[in-house]
Amino acid sequence: GPTAAAPLLRGSRGLPLLHCVCRMFASQTEGELRVT
């Protein structure tokens, strides 16, 4: 069920895999650019 599947749907940092894929291809955030 959803509880059993939850760990499999998370990336290495505990973020949802969809989020990880989006961030992988996204440019830097405004905050990242400012700190850099």
PDB file of all heavy atoms in Angstrom:
ATOM      1  N   GLY A   1       0.834  -1.195   0.000  1.00  0.00           N
ATOM      2  CA  GLY A   1       0.000   0.000   0.000  1.00  0.00           C
ATOM      3  C   GLY A   1       0.863   1.236   0.000  1.00  0.00           C
ATOM      4  O   GLY A   1       2.095   1.164  -0.096  1.00  0.00           O
ATOM      5  N   PRO A   2       0.241   2.401   0.129  1.00  0.00           N
ATOM      6  CA  PRO A   2       0.983   3.659   0.099  1.00  0.00           C
ATOM      7  C   PRO A   2       2.082   3.744   1.153  1.00  0.00           C
ATOM      8  O   PRO A   2       3.152   4.271   0.894  1.00  0.00           O
ATOM      9  CB  PRO A   2      -0.090   4.722   0.339  1.00  0.00           C
ATOM     10  CG  PRO A   2      -1.371   4.066  -0.047  1.00  0.00           C
ATOM     11  CD  PRO A   2      -1.185   2.603   0.225  1.00  0.00           C
ATOM     12  N   THR A   3       1.822   3.202   2.339  1.00  0.00           N
ATOM     13  CA  THR A   3       2.827   3.267   3.400  1.00  0.00           C
ATOM     14  C   THR A   3       4.055   2.447   3.028  1.00  0.00           C
ATOM     15  O   THR A   3       5.186   2.875   3.230  1.00  0.00           O
ATOM     16  CB  THR A   3       2.237   2.763   4.727  1.00  0.00           C
ATOM     17  OG1 THR A   3       1.058   3.516   5.009  1.00  0.00           O
ATOM     18  CG2 THR A   3       3.224   2.921   5.861  1.00  0.00           C
ATOM     19  N   ALA A   4       3.836   1.264   2.469  1.00  0.00           N
ATOM     20  CA  ALA A   4       4.951   0.410   2.076  1.00  0.00           C
ATOM     21  C   ALA A   4       5.715   1.009   0.896  1.00  0.00           C
ATOM     22  O   ALA A   4       6.927   0.843   0.777  1.00  0.00           O
ATOM     23  CB  ALA A   4       4.440  -0.983   1.721  1.00  0.00           C
ATOM     24  N   ALA A   5       5.003   1.704   0.009  1.00  0.00           N
ATOM     25  CA  ALA A   5       5.631   2.263  -1.186  1.00  0.00           C
ATOM     26  C   ALA A   5       6.338   3.580  -0.920  1.00  0.00           C
ATOM     27  O   ALA A   5       7.231   3.964  -1.674  1.00  0.00           O
ATOM     28  CB  ALA A   5       4.578   2.472  -2.275  1.00  0.00           C
ATOM     29  N   ALA A   6       5.989   4.282   0.146  1.00  0.00           N
ATOM     30  CA  ALA A   6       6.528   5.623   0.404  1.00  0.00           C
ATOM     31  C   ALA A   6       8.054   5.695   0.359  1.00  0.00           C
ATOM     32  O   ALA A   6       8.610   6.576  -0.293  1.00  0.00           O
ATOM     33  CB  ALA A   6       6.005   6.170   1.726  1.00  0.00           C
ATOM     34  N   PRO A   7       8.794   4.780   1.029  1.00  0.00           N
ATOM     35  CA  PRO A   7      10.264   4.879   0.966  1.00  0.00           C
ATOM     36  C   PRO A   7      10.815   4.707  -0.455  1.00  0.00           C
ATOM     37  O   PRO A   7      11.849   5.262  -0.789  1.00  0.00           O
ATOM     38  CB  PRO A   7      10.746   3.737   1.860  1.00  0.00           C
ATOM     39  CG  PRO A   7       9.587   3.407   2.732  1.00  0.00           C
ATOM     40  CD  PRO A   7       8.355   3.729   1.927  1.00  0.00           C
ATOM     41  N   LEU A   8      10.125   3.958  -1.274  1.00  0.00           N
ATOM     42  CA  LEU A   8      10.592   3.733  -2.642  1.00  0.00           C
ATOM     43  C   LEU A   8      10.358   4.932  -3.544  1.00  0.00           C
ATOM     44  O   LEU A   8      10.961   5.051  -4.597  1.00  0.00           O
ATOM     45  CB  LEU A   8       9.890   2.506  -3.241  1.00  0.00           C
ATOM     46  CG  LEU A   8      10.103   1.193  -2.488  1.00  0.00           C
ATOM     47  CD1 LEU A   8       9.250   0.096  -3.091  1.00  0.00           C
ATOM     48  CD2 LEU A   8      11.567   0.809  -2.488  1.00  0.00           C
ATOM     49  N   LEU A   9       9.455   5.822  -3.126  1.00  0.00           N
ATOM     50  CA  LEU A   9       9.109   6.986  -3.941  1.00  0.00           C
ATOM     51  C   LEU A   9       9.901   8.218  -3.547  1.00  0.00           C
ATOM     52  O   LEU A   9       9.594   9.312  -3.962  1.00  0.00           O
ATOM     53  CB  LEU A   9       7.604   7.275  -3.828  1.00  0.00           C
ATOM     54  CG  LEU A   9       6.697   6.148  -4.311  1.00  0.00           C
ATOM     55  CD1 LEU A   9       5.240   6.498  -4.048  1.00  0.00           C
ATOM     56  CD2 LEU A   9       6.915   5.874  -5.781  1.00  0.00           C
ATOM     57  N   ARG A  10      10.933   8.016  -2.751  1.00  0.00           N
ATOM     58  CA  ARG A  10      11.754   9.133  -2.296  1.00  0.00           C
ATOM     59  C   ARG A  10      13.173   8.976  -2.808  1.00  0.00           C
ATOM     60  O   ARG A  10      13.693   7.878  -2.923  1.00  0.00           O
ATOM     61  CB  ARG A  10      11.758   9.211  -0.779  1.00  0.00           C
ATOM     62  CG  ARG A  10      10.354   9.437  -0.241  1.00  0.00           C
ATOM     63  CD  ARG A  10      10.378  10.342   0.956  1.00  0.00           C
ATOM     64  NE  ARG A  10       9.037  10.782   1.286  1.00  0.00           N
ATOM     65  CZ  ARG A  10       8.545  11.951   0.985  1.00  0.00           C
ATOM     66  NH1 ARG A  10       9.262  12.822   0.339  1.00  0.00           N
ATOM     67  NH2 ARG A  10       7.335  12.289   1.344  1.00  0.00           N
ATOM     68  N   GLY A  11      13.798  10.114  -3.105  1.00  0.00           N
ATOM     69  CA  GLY A  11      15.178  10.113  -3.573  1.00  0.00           C
ATOM     70  C   GLY A  11      16.146   9.999  -2.419  1.00  0.00           C
ATOM     71  O   GLY A  11      15.756   9.826  -1.263  1.00  0.00           O
ATOM     72  N   SER A  12      17.423  10.147  -2.693  1.00  0.00           N
ATOM     73  CA  SER A  12      18.469   9.976  -1.685  1.00  0.00           C
ATOM     74  C   SER A  12      18.411  11.016  -0.572  1.00  0.00           C
ATOM     75  O   SER A  12      18.856  10.768   0.528  1.00  0.00           O
ATOM     76  CB  SER A  12      19.847  10.010  -2.349  1.00  0.00           C
ATOM     77  OG  SER A  12      20.049  11.253  -2.978  1.00  0.00           O
ATOM     78  N   ARG A  13      17.847  12.171  -0.846  1.00  0.00           N
ATOM     79  CA  ARG A  13      17.746  13.223   0.186  1.00  0.00           C
ATOM     80  C   ARG A  13      16.384  13.208   0.859  1.00  0.00           C
ATOM     81  O   ARG A  13      16.037  14.125   1.587  1.00  0.00           O
ATOM     82  CB  ARG A  13      17.987  14.599  -0.438  1.00  0.00           C
ATOM     83  CG  ARG A  13      19.414  14.787  -0.878  1.00  0.00           C
ATOM     84  CD  ARG A  13      19.644  16.199  -1.322  1.00  0.00           C
ATOM     85  NE  ARG A  13      21.030  16.364  -1.689  1.00  0.00           N
ATOM     86  CZ  ARG A  13      21.453  17.284  -2.512  1.00  0.00           C
ATOM     87  NH1 ARG A  13      20.619  18.130  -3.054  1.00  0.00           N
ATOM     88  NH2 ARG A  13      22.725  17.381  -2.804  1.00  0.00           N
ATOM     89  N   GLY A  14      15.584  12.189   0.596  1.00  0.00           N
ATOM     90  CA  GLY A  14      14.285  12.098   1.222  1.00  0.00           C
ATOM     91  C   GLY A  14      13.217  12.906   0.513  1.00  0.00           C
ATOM     92  O   GLY A  14      12.101  13.013   0.971  1.00  0.00           O
ATOM     93  N   LEU A  15      13.574  13.515  -0.612  1.00  0.00           N
ATOM     94  CA  LEU A  15      12.619  14.315  -1.368  1.00  0.00           C
ATOM     95  C   LEU A  15      11.861  13.414  -2.334  1.00  0.00           C
ATOM     96  O   LEU A  15      12.394  12.400  -2.780  1.00  0.00           O
ATOM     97  CB  LEU A  15      13.350  15.404  -2.158  1.00  0.00           C
ATOM     98  CG  LEU A  15      14.133  16.408  -1.320  1.00  0.00           C
ATOM     99  CD1 LEU A  15      14.985  17.282  -2.224  1.00  0.00           C
ATOM    100  CD2 LEU A  15      13.199  17.251  -0.496  1.00  0.00           C
ATOM    101  N   PRO A  16      10.632  13.754  -2.677  1.00  0.00           N
ATOM    102  CA  PRO A  16       9.914  12.952  -3.668  1.00  0.00           C
ATOM    103  C   PRO A  16      10.726  12.868  -4.959  1.00  0.00           C
ATOM    104  O   PRO A  16      11.367  13.830  -5.366  1.00  0.00           O
ATOM    105  CB  PRO A  16       8.621  13.742  -3.886  1.00  0.00           C
ATOM    106  CG  PRO A  16       8.467  14.586  -2.671  1.00  0.00           C
ATOM    107  CD  PRO A  16       9.869  14.886  -2.197  1.00  0.00           C
ATOM    108  N   LEU A  17      10.722  11.704  -5.591  1.00  0.00           N
ATOM    109  CA  LEU A  17      11.520  11.507  -6.799  1.00  0.00           C
ATOM    110  C   LEU A  17      11.178  12.509  -7.890  1.00  0.00           C
ATOM    111  O   LEU A  17      12.061  12.985  -8.590  1.00  0.00           O
ATOM    112  CB  LEU A  17      11.347  10.079  -7.326  1.00  0.00           C
ATOM    113  CG  LEU A  17      12.100   9.022  -6.533  1.00  0.00           C
ATOM    114  CD1 LEU A  17      11.798   7.642  -7.088  1.00  0.00           C
ATOM    115  CD2 LEU A  17      13.585   9.266  -6.548  1.00  0.00           C
ATOM    116  N   LEU A  18       9.911  12.842  -8.044  1.00  0.00           N
ATOM    117  CA  LEU A  18       9.523  13.810  -9.063  1.00  0.00           C
ATOM    118  C   LEU A  18      10.227  15.137  -8.814  1.00  0.00           C
ATOM    119  O   LEU A  18      10.737  15.760  -9.722  1.00  0.00           O
ATOM    120  CB  LEU A  18       8.006  14.008  -9.088  1.00  0.00           C
ATOM    121  CG  LEU A  18       7.486  14.988 -10.137  1.00  0.00           C
ATOM    122  CD1 LEU A  18       7.897  14.546 -11.537  1.00  0.00           C
ATOM    123  CD2 LEU A  18       5.984  15.126 -10.051  1.00  0.00           C
ATOM    124  N   HIS A  19      10.293  15.541  -7.546  1.00  0.00           N
ATOM    125  CA  HIS A  19      10.990  16.787  -7.198  1.00  0.00           C
ATOM    126  C   HIS A  19      12.462  16.684  -7.593  1.00  0.00           C
ATOM    127  O   HIS A  19      13.033  17.614  -8.145  1.00  0.00           O
ATOM    128  CB  HIS A  19      10.864  17.083  -5.707  1.00  0.00           C
ATOM    129  CG  HIS A  19      11.726  18.230  -5.269  1.00  0.00           C
ATOM    130  ND1 HIS A  19      11.363  19.534  -5.454  1.00  0.00           N
ATOM    131  CD2 HIS A  19      12.957  18.257  -4.707  1.00  0.00           C
ATOM    132  CE1 HIS A  19      12.329  20.326  -5.010  1.00  0.00           C
ATOM    133  NE2 HIS A  19      13.298  19.562  -4.547  1.00  0.00           N
ATOM    134  N   CYS A  20      13.087  15.537  -7.290  1.00  0.00           N
ATOM    135  CA  CYS A  20      14.507  15.362  -7.606  1.00  0.00           C
ATOM    136  C   CYS A  20      14.755  15.479  -9.101  1.00  0.00           C
ATOM    137  O   CYS A  20      15.724  16.085  -9.519  1.00  0.00           O
ATOM    138  CB  CYS A  20      14.992  14.002  -7.099  1.00  0.00           C
ATOM    139  SG  CYS A  20      14.998  13.882  -5.299  1.00  0.00           S
ATOM    140  N   VAL A  21      13.875  14.902  -9.900  1.00  0.00           N
ATOM    141  CA  VAL A  21      14.024  14.976 -11.351  1.00  0.00           C
ATOM    142  C   VAL A  21      13.886  16.410 -11.821  1.00  0.00           C
ATOM    143  O   VAL A  21      14.675  16.891 -12.624  1.00  0.00           O
ATOM    144  CB  VAL A  21      12.991  14.060 -12.061  1.00  0.00           C
ATOM    145  CG1 VAL A  21      12.997  14.304 -13.556  1.00  0.00           C
ATOM    146  CG2 VAL A  21      13.300  12.601 -11.758  1.00  0.00           C
ATOM    147  N   CYS A  22      12.917  17.126 -11.293  1.00  0.00           N
ATOM    148  CA  CYS A  22      12.718  18.525 -11.696  1.00  0.00           C
ATOM    149  C   CYS A  22      13.925  19.376 -11.342  1.00  0.00           C
ATOM    150  O   CYS A  22      14.382  20.180 -12.139  1.00  0.00           O
ATOM    151  CB  CYS A  22      11.467  19.106 -11.028  1.00  0.00           C
ATOM    152  SG  CYS A  22       9.938  18.391 -11.632  1.00  0.00           S
ATOM    153  N   ARG A  23      14.469  19.199 -10.133  1.00  0.00           N
ATOM    154  CA  ARG A  23      15.615  19.999  -9.702  1.00  0.00           C
ATOM    155  C   ARG A  23      16.869  19.623 -10.478  1.00  0.00           C
ATOM    156  O   ARG A  23      17.736  20.433 -10.693  1.00  0.00           O
ATOM    157  CB  ARG A  23      15.871  19.808  -8.202  1.00  0.00           C
ATOM    158  CG  ARG A  23      14.935  20.559  -7.332  1.00  0.00           C
ATOM    159  CD  ARG A  23      15.212  22.054  -7.330  1.00  0.00           C
ATOM    160  NE  ARG A  23      16.479  22.303  -6.679  1.00  0.00           N
ATOM    161  CZ  ARG A  23      17.358  23.195  -7.100  1.00  0.00           C
ATOM    162  NH1 ARG A  23      17.128  23.938  -8.142  1.00  0.00           N
ATOM    163  NH2 ARG A  23      18.492  23.371  -6.474  1.00  0.00           N
ATOM    164  N   MET A  24      16.962  18.369 -10.926  1.00  0.00           N
ATOM    165  CA  MET A  24      18.137  17.923 -11.658  1.00  0.00           C
ATOM    166  C   MET A  24      18.285  18.712 -12.958  1.00  0.00           C
ATOM    167  O   MET A  24      19.378  19.003 -13.393  1.00  0.00           O
ATOM    168  CB  MET A  24      18.005  16.426 -11.965  1.00  0.00           C
ATOM    169  CG  MET A  24      19.277  15.799 -12.470  1.00  0.00           C
ATOM    170  SD  MET A  24      19.118  14.043 -12.868  1.00  0.00           S
ATOM    171  CE  MET A  24      18.039  13.413 -11.637  1.00  0.00           C
ATOM    172  N   PHE A  25      17.172  19.045 -13.578  1.00  0.00           N
ATOM    173  CA  PHE A  25      17.212  19.716 -14.864  1.00  0.00           C
ATOM    174  C   PHE A  25      16.939  21.215 -14.765  1.00  0.00           C
ATOM    175  O   PHE A  25      17.031  21.916 -15.747  1.00  0.00           O
ATOM    176  CB  PHE A  25      16.211  19.064 -15.825  1.00  0.00           C
ATOM    177  CG  PHE A  25      16.566  17.635 -16.108  1.00  0.00           C
ATOM    178  CD1 PHE A  25      15.788  16.607 -15.616  1.00  0.00           C
ATOM    179  CD2 PHE A  25      17.697  17.324 -16.845  1.00  0.00           C
ATOM    180  CE1 PHE A  25      16.133  15.286 -15.861  1.00  0.00           C
ATOM    181  CE2 PHE A  25      18.043  16.006 -17.099  1.00  0.00           C
ATOM    182  CZ  PHE A  25      17.256  14.983 -16.605  1.00  0.00           C
ATOM    183  N   ALA A  26      16.601  21.688 -13.589  1.00  0.00           N
ATOM    184  CA  ALA A  26      16.285  23.107 -13.417  1.00  0.00           C
ATOM    185  C   ALA A  26      17.565  23.909 -13.220  1.00  0.00           C
ATOM    186  O   ALA A  26      18.578  23.400 -12.766  1.00  0.00           O
ATOM    187  CB  ALA A  26      15.373  23.287 -12.203  1.00  0.00           C
ATOM    188  N   SER A  27      17.504  25.178 -13.567  1.00  0.00           N
ATOM    189  CA  SER A  27      18.638  26.051 -13.306  1.00  0.00           C
ATOM    190  C   SER A  27      18.629  26.402 -11.819  1.00  0.00           C
ATOM    191  O   SER A  27      17.722  26.034 -11.089  1.00  0.00           O
ATOM    192  CB  SER A  27      18.527  27.312 -14.161  1.00  0.00           C
ATOM    193  OG  SER A  27      17.330  27.989 -13.867  1.00  0.00           O
ATOM    194  N   GLN A  28      19.627  27.129 -11.386  1.00  0.00           N
ATOM    195  CA  GLN A  28      19.720  27.492  -9.975  1.00  0.00           C
ATOM    196  C   GLN A  28      18.537  28.339  -9.546  1.00  0.00           C
ATOM    197  O   GLN A  28      18.018  29.141 -10.321  1.00  0.00           O
ATOM    198  CB  GLN A  28      21.011  28.264  -9.708  1.00  0.00           C
ATOM    199  CG  GLN A  28      22.247  27.401  -9.679  1.00  0.00           C
ATOM    200  CD  GLN A  28      23.439  28.196  -9.188  1.00  0.00           C
ATOM    201  OE1 GLN A  28      23.790  29.209  -9.780  1.00  0.00           O
ATOM    202  NE2 GLN A  28      24.047  27.738  -8.118  1.00  0.00           N
ATOM    203  N   THR A  29      18.149  28.177  -8.280  1.00  0.00           N
ATOM    204  CA  THR A  29      17.075  28.998  -7.735  1.00  0.00           C
ATOM    205  C   THR A  29      17.614  30.405  -7.484  1.00  0.00           C
ATOM    206  O   THR A  29      18.834  30.628  -7.470  1.00  0.00           O
ATOM    207  CB  THR A  29      16.543  28.424  -6.403  1.00  0.00           C
ATOM    208  OG1 THR A  29      17.585  28.490  -5.420  1.00  0.00           O
ATOM    209  CG2 THR A  29      16.055  26.993  -6.559  1.00  0.00           C
ATOM    210  N   GLU A  30      16.714  31.324  -7.246  1.00  0.00           N
ATOM    211  CA  GLU A  30      17.113  32.712  -6.964  1.00  0.00           C
ATOM    212  C   GLU A  30      18.011  32.770  -5.732  1.00  0.00           C
ATOM    213  O   GLU A  30      19.012  33.479  -5.707  1.00  0.00           O
ATOM    214  CB  GLU A  30      15.861  33.570  -6.749  1.00  0.00           C
ATOM    215  CG  GLU A  30      16.142  35.043  -6.598  1.00  0.00           C
ATOM    216  CD  GLU A  30      14.872  35.854  -6.443  1.00  0.00           C
ATOM    217  OE1 GLU A  30      13.915  35.613  -7.206  1.00  0.00           O
ATOM    218  OE2 GLU A  30      14.850  36.721  -5.553  1.00  0.00           O
ATOM    219  N   GLY A  31      17.660  31.999  -4.705  1.00  0.00           N
ATOM    220  CA  GLY A  31      18.464  31.965  -3.477  1.00  0.00           C
ATOM    221  C   GLY A  31      19.852  31.407  -3.716  1.00  0.00           C
ATOM    222  O   GLY A  31      20.842  31.925  -3.187  1.00  0.00           O
ATOM    223  N   GLU A  32      19.941  30.339  -4.504  1.00  0.00           N
ATOM    224  CA  GLU A  32      21.243  29.749  -4.826  1.00  0.00           C
ATOM    225  C   GLU A  32      22.115  30.757  -5.568  1.00  0.00           C
ATOM    226  O   GLU A  32      23.309  30.894  -5.272  1.00  0.00           O
ATOM    227  CB  GLU A  32      21.061  28.495  -5.683  1.00  0.00           C
ATOM    228  CG  GLU A  32      20.481  27.313  -4.932  1.00  0.00           C
ATOM    229  CD  GLU A  32      20.070  26.170  -5.839  1.00  0.00           C
ATOM    230  OE1 GLU A  32      19.813  26.402  -7.039  1.00  0.00           O
ATOM    231  OE2 GLU A  32      19.983  25.032  -5.347  1.00  0.00           O
ATOM    232  N   LEU A  33      21.529  31.463  -6.501  1.00  0.00           N
ATOM    233  CA  LEU A  33      22.276  32.482  -7.256  1.00  0.00           C
ATOM    234  C   LEU A  33      22.759  33.598  -6.345  1.00  0.00           C
ATOM    235  O   LEU A  33      23.899  34.055  -6.466  1.00  0.00           O
ATOM    236  CB  LEU A  33      21.411  33.048  -8.378  1.00  0.00           C
ATOM    237  CG  LEU A  33      21.106  32.096  -9.536  1.00  0.00           C
ATOM    238  CD1 LEU A  33      20.046  32.706 -10.459  1.00  0.00           C
ATOM    239  CD2 LEU A  33      22.368  31.764 -10.311  1.00  0.00           C
ATOM    240  N   ARG A  34      21.896  34.044  -5.429  1.00  0.00           N
ATOM    241  CA  ARG A  34      22.252  35.137  -4.510  1.00  0.00           C
ATOM    242  C   ARG A  34      23.414  34.709  -3.603  1.00  0.00           C
ATOM    243  O   ARG A  34      24.397  35.435  -3.448  1.00  0.00           O
ATOM    244  CB  ARG A  34      21.039  35.553  -3.678  1.00  0.00           C
ATOM    245  CG  ARG A  34      21.310  36.740  -2.767  1.00  0.00           C
ATOM    246  CD  ARG A  34      20.071  37.180  -1.990  1.00  0.00           C
ATOM    247  NE  ARG A  34      19.649  36.135  -1.064  1.00  0.00           N
ATOM    248  CZ  ARG A  34      18.544  35.397  -1.189  1.00  0.00           C
ATOM    249  NH1 ARG A  34      17.739  35.590  -2.193  1.00  0.00           N
ATOM    250  NH2 ARG A  34      18.240  34.467  -0.304  1.00  0.00           N
ATOM    251  N   VAL A  35      23.325  33.513  -3.017  1.00  0.00           N
ATOM    252  CA  VAL A  35      24.380  33.021  -2.124  1.00  0.00           C
ATOM    253  C   VAL A  35      25.676  32.815  -2.905  1.00  0.00           C
ATOM    254  O   VAL A  35      26.759  33.188  -2.436  1.00  0.00           O
ATOM    255  CB  VAL A  35      23.934  31.721  -1.420  1.00  0.00           C
ATOM    256  CG1 VAL A  35      25.085  31.083  -0.657  1.00  0.00           C
ATOM    257  CG2 VAL A  35      22.754  32.002  -0.480  1.00  0.00           C
ATOM    258  N   THR A  36      25.584  32.270  -4.102  1.00  0.00           N
ATOM    259  CA  THR A  36      26.763  32.065  -4.939  1.00  0.00           C
ATOM    260  C   THR A  36      27.446  33.401  -5.241  1.00  0.00           C
ATOM    261  O   THR A  36      28.677  33.518  -5.152  1.00  0.00           O
ATOM    262  CB  THR A  36      26.381  31.361  -6.265  1.00  0.00           C
ATOM    263  OG1 THR A  36      25.803  30.089  -5.958  1.00  0.00           O
ATOM    264  CG2 THR A  36      27.590  31.159  -7.153  1.00  0.00           C
TER     265      THR A  36
END
